[in-house]
Protein backbone atom coordinates (compact mmCIF):
# COMPACT_ATOMS: atom_id res chain seq x y z
CA ALA A 1 -169.33 57.66 -144.20
CA LEU A 2 -168.71 55.10 -146.27
CA THR A 3 -166.24 57.63 -148.19
CA ALA A 4 -164.18 58.59 -145.25
CA PHE A 5 -164.03 54.63 -144.34
CA ARG A 6 -162.60 53.68 -147.31
CA ASP A 7 -159.83 56.38 -147.76
CA HIS A 8 -158.86 55.82 -143.86
CA MET A 9 -158.60 52.16 -145.16
CA GLN A 10 -157.04 53.18 -148.39
CA ALA A 11 -154.29 54.70 -145.95
CA VAL A 12 -153.60 51.82 -143.67
CA ARG A 13 -153.28 49.77 -146.78
CA GLU A 14 -150.21 52.21 -147.95
CA ARG A 15 -148.91 52.23 -144.58
CA ALA A 16 -148.67 48.95 -143.88
CA GLY A 17 -146.90 48.41 -147.28
CA ASP A 18 -143.97 49.30 -145.46
CA TRP A 19 -144.51 47.14 -142.19
CA ARG A 20 -141.66 43.44 -141.79
CA LEU A 21 -141.99 40.90 -139.55
CA ASP A 22 -139.08 40.16 -137.32
CA ALA A 23 -139.67 36.60 -137.05
CA ASP A 24 -141.60 33.68 -138.80
CA GLY A 25 -144.34 31.11 -137.39
CA PHE A 26 -145.02 31.20 -133.74
CA ASP A 27 -141.96 33.42 -132.96
CA ALA A 28 -144.32 36.33 -134.93
CA LEU A 29 -146.46 35.86 -132.18
CA ALA A 30 -145.14 34.84 -128.79
CA GLU A 31 -144.18 38.04 -127.53
CA GLY A 32 -147.63 39.41 -128.29
CA ILE A 33 -149.25 36.51 -126.97
CA GLY A 34 -147.26 36.89 -123.52
CA ALA A 35 -147.47 40.65 -123.31
CA ALA A 36 -151.45 40.49 -123.73
CA VAL A 37 -151.50 37.63 -120.79
CA ALA A 38 -148.83 39.58 -118.80
CA GLY A 39 -151.45 42.80 -119.40
CA ALA A 40 -154.67 40.58 -118.25
CA ARG A 41 -152.67 39.86 -115.31
CA LYS A 42 -151.63 42.97 -114.14
CA ALA A 43 -154.79 44.44 -114.83
CA MET A 44 -156.75 42.07 -113.04
CA ARG A 45 -154.73 42.56 -110.45
CA ARG A 46 -155.08 45.98 -109.90
CA ALA A 47 -159.02 45.74 -110.07
CA ARG A 48 -158.31 43.25 -107.62
CA ALA A 49 -157.48 45.80 -105.38
CA ASP A 50 -159.78 48.63 -106.70
CA PRO A 51 -162.72 47.31 -108.37
CA ALA A 52 -163.70 50.96 -109.91
CA PRO A 53 -165.03 50.96 -112.86
CA GLU A 54 -162.42 52.13 -115.05
CA THR A 55 -160.00 48.95 -113.50
CA VAL A 56 -162.46 46.83 -114.60
CA HIS A 57 -163.34 48.48 -117.83
CA ASP A 58 -159.34 48.35 -118.82
CA TRP A 59 -158.92 44.41 -117.09
CA ARG A 60 -161.77 43.89 -119.53
CA LYS A 61 -159.67 45.94 -122.76
CA ARG A 62 -157.01 43.23 -122.11
CA VAL A 63 -158.77 40.22 -121.53
CA LYS A 64 -159.93 40.81 -125.06
CA ASP A 65 -156.26 40.88 -126.71
CA HIS A 66 -155.72 37.95 -125.37
CA TRP A 67 -158.80 36.67 -126.09
CA TYR A 68 -158.27 37.34 -129.81
CA HIS A 69 -155.18 35.70 -129.49
CA ALA A 70 -157.03 32.16 -128.51
CA ARG A 71 -159.65 32.78 -131.08
CA LEU A 72 -157.19 33.10 -133.61
CA LEU A 73 -154.68 29.98 -132.38
CA ALA A 74 -158.12 27.63 -131.66
CA PRO A 75 -156.41 25.17 -134.41
CA LEU A 76 -153.71 24.25 -132.73
CA TRP A 77 -155.28 22.26 -130.58
CA PRO A 78 -159.06 23.38 -131.14
CA VAL A 79 -161.17 21.87 -128.30
CA PRO A 80 -158.89 23.28 -125.33
CA MET A 81 -158.11 26.28 -127.41
CA ASP A 82 -162.02 26.44 -127.87
CA ALA A 83 -162.52 26.14 -124.48
CA HIS A 84 -159.71 28.94 -123.20
CA ALA A 85 -161.00 31.17 -125.76
CA ARG A 86 -164.70 30.63 -124.69
CA ALA A 87 -163.62 31.57 -121.28
CA ALA A 88 -161.60 34.93 -122.46
CA ASP A 89 -164.99 35.63 -124.25
CA ARG A 90 -167.41 34.65 -121.01
CA LEU A 91 -165.26 37.06 -118.60
CA GLY A 92 -164.53 39.63 -121.42
CA GLU A 93 -168.68 39.91 -121.69
CA LEU A 94 -168.98 39.64 -118.11
CA LEU A 95 -166.75 42.47 -117.47
CA GLY A 96 -168.67 44.38 -120.00
CA GLN A 97 -171.78 44.42 -118.36
CA HIS A 98 -169.52 45.61 -115.40
CA HIS A 99 -169.28 48.29 -117.17
CA ASP A 100 -172.22 48.92 -118.81
CA LEU A 101 -173.87 49.31 -114.92
CA ALA A 102 -171.14 51.46 -114.28
CA VAL A 103 -172.53 53.68 -117.23
CA LEU A 104 -176.05 53.51 -116.22
CA THR A 105 -175.56 54.58 -112.89
CA ALA A 106 -173.72 57.68 -114.06
CA ARG A 107 -176.31 58.34 -116.97
CA ALA A 108 -178.93 57.91 -113.81
CA ARG A 109 -176.81 60.03 -111.49
CA ALA A 110 -176.26 62.86 -114.11
CA GLU A 111 -180.27 62.94 -115.22
CA PRO A 112 -182.28 66.00 -113.99
CA GLY A 113 -185.19 65.71 -112.09
CA PRO A 114 -186.64 66.83 -108.77
CA LEU A 115 -186.71 64.97 -105.48
CA GLY A 116 -189.01 62.68 -103.66
CA ASP A 117 -189.85 59.25 -105.69
CA ARG A 118 -187.07 60.10 -108.18
CA ALA A 119 -184.46 60.21 -105.37
CA ALA A 120 -185.71 57.26 -104.14
CA GLY A 121 -185.62 55.54 -107.48
CA ARG A 122 -182.06 56.56 -107.76
CA LYS A 123 -180.98 55.17 -104.59
CA LEU A 124 -182.75 52.14 -104.93
CA LEU A 125 -180.81 51.92 -108.73
CA ARG A 126 -177.58 52.19 -106.56
CA ARG A 127 -178.07 49.93 -104.43
CA LEU A 128 -179.14 47.21 -107.06
CA VAL A 129 -176.30 48.15 -109.32
CA ALA A 130 -173.67 47.79 -106.46
CA GLU A 131 -175.32 43.79 -105.71
CA ARG A 132 -174.99 43.00 -108.69
CA GLN A 133 -172.02 44.60 -109.80
CA ALA A 134 -170.38 43.13 -106.64
CA ALA A 135 -171.50 39.67 -107.94
CA LEU A 136 -170.67 40.12 -111.35
CA GLU A 137 -167.05 40.56 -109.56
CA ALA A 138 -166.90 37.66 -108.22
CA ASN A 139 -167.64 35.62 -110.83
CA CYS A 140 -165.22 37.54 -113.16
CA PHE A 141 -162.58 37.11 -110.31
CA ALA A 142 -163.26 33.49 -110.06
CA ILE A 143 -162.97 32.77 -114.25
CA GLY A 144 -159.95 34.68 -114.40
CA ALA A 145 -158.05 32.98 -111.94
CA ARG A 146 -158.32 29.76 -114.13
CA LEU A 147 -157.90 31.74 -117.48
CA LEU A 148 -155.19 33.57 -116.29
CA ALA A 149 -153.35 31.21 -113.98
CA GLU A 150 -150.13 30.33 -115.97
CA PRO A 151 -147.34 32.60 -116.09
CA PRO A 152 -146.90 34.43 -119.31
CA ASP A 153 -144.17 32.61 -120.16
CA ALA A 154 -145.80 29.01 -119.20
CA LEU A 155 -148.50 29.75 -121.62
CA VAL A 156 -146.04 30.83 -124.45
CA HIS A 157 -144.27 27.72 -124.27
CA ARG A 158 -147.29 26.00 -123.88
CA TRP A 159 -148.61 27.17 -126.78
CA ARG A 160 -145.54 26.78 -128.84
CA ALA A 161 -145.52 23.19 -128.35
CA TYR A 162 -148.82 22.82 -129.59
CA TRP A 163 -148.25 25.22 -132.68
CA LYS A 164 -145.09 22.69 -133.37
CA VAL A 165 -147.33 19.75 -133.48
CA TRP A 166 -150.05 20.93 -135.60
CA ARG A 167 -147.29 22.42 -137.85
CA LYS A 168 -146.01 18.67 -137.47
CA GLU A 169 -149.85 17.22 -139.04
CA GLU A 170 -150.13 19.96 -141.52
CA ASP A 171 -146.77 19.02 -142.58
CA ALA A 172 -147.92 15.03 -142.93
CA ARG A 173 -151.39 16.18 -144.54
CA VAL A 174 -149.50 18.16 -147.16
CA VAL A 175 -147.28 15.02 -147.82
């Protein structure tokens, strides 16, 4: 497995040798940040309209994309950016629990066995899972509403302002 991983990483390294950024500084990040926030907001709307396991799981993936950006940019202003990253991480974890429960239910449904106690147990499991998923959804939508309250352009604009201040501070420390 390590040999295969090494070979794969070597191939990625070779391909990456031709990669070039079209922008510098925050401009190199802005489009991706905006797209991640827009994707998370869109996925949240879809999950609210249809909280099926697949739509909620897609929302989780988009939240994780946003979390990576927030975590990466935490040094811009540590206290608020760390809080933002922690909220995104918490939301991702709760959405992950929702998905885990969906997987558990699917596996229990597929498990062969006689009727009787097992059927009653499956019915109870489905009810308990549905109740827990409903509670998770309520919590997730509350966190998501705050985390993703700003339109993408506004969040990018705010983070760009943090970046400018941070760069000035970094430049002043060098002098």
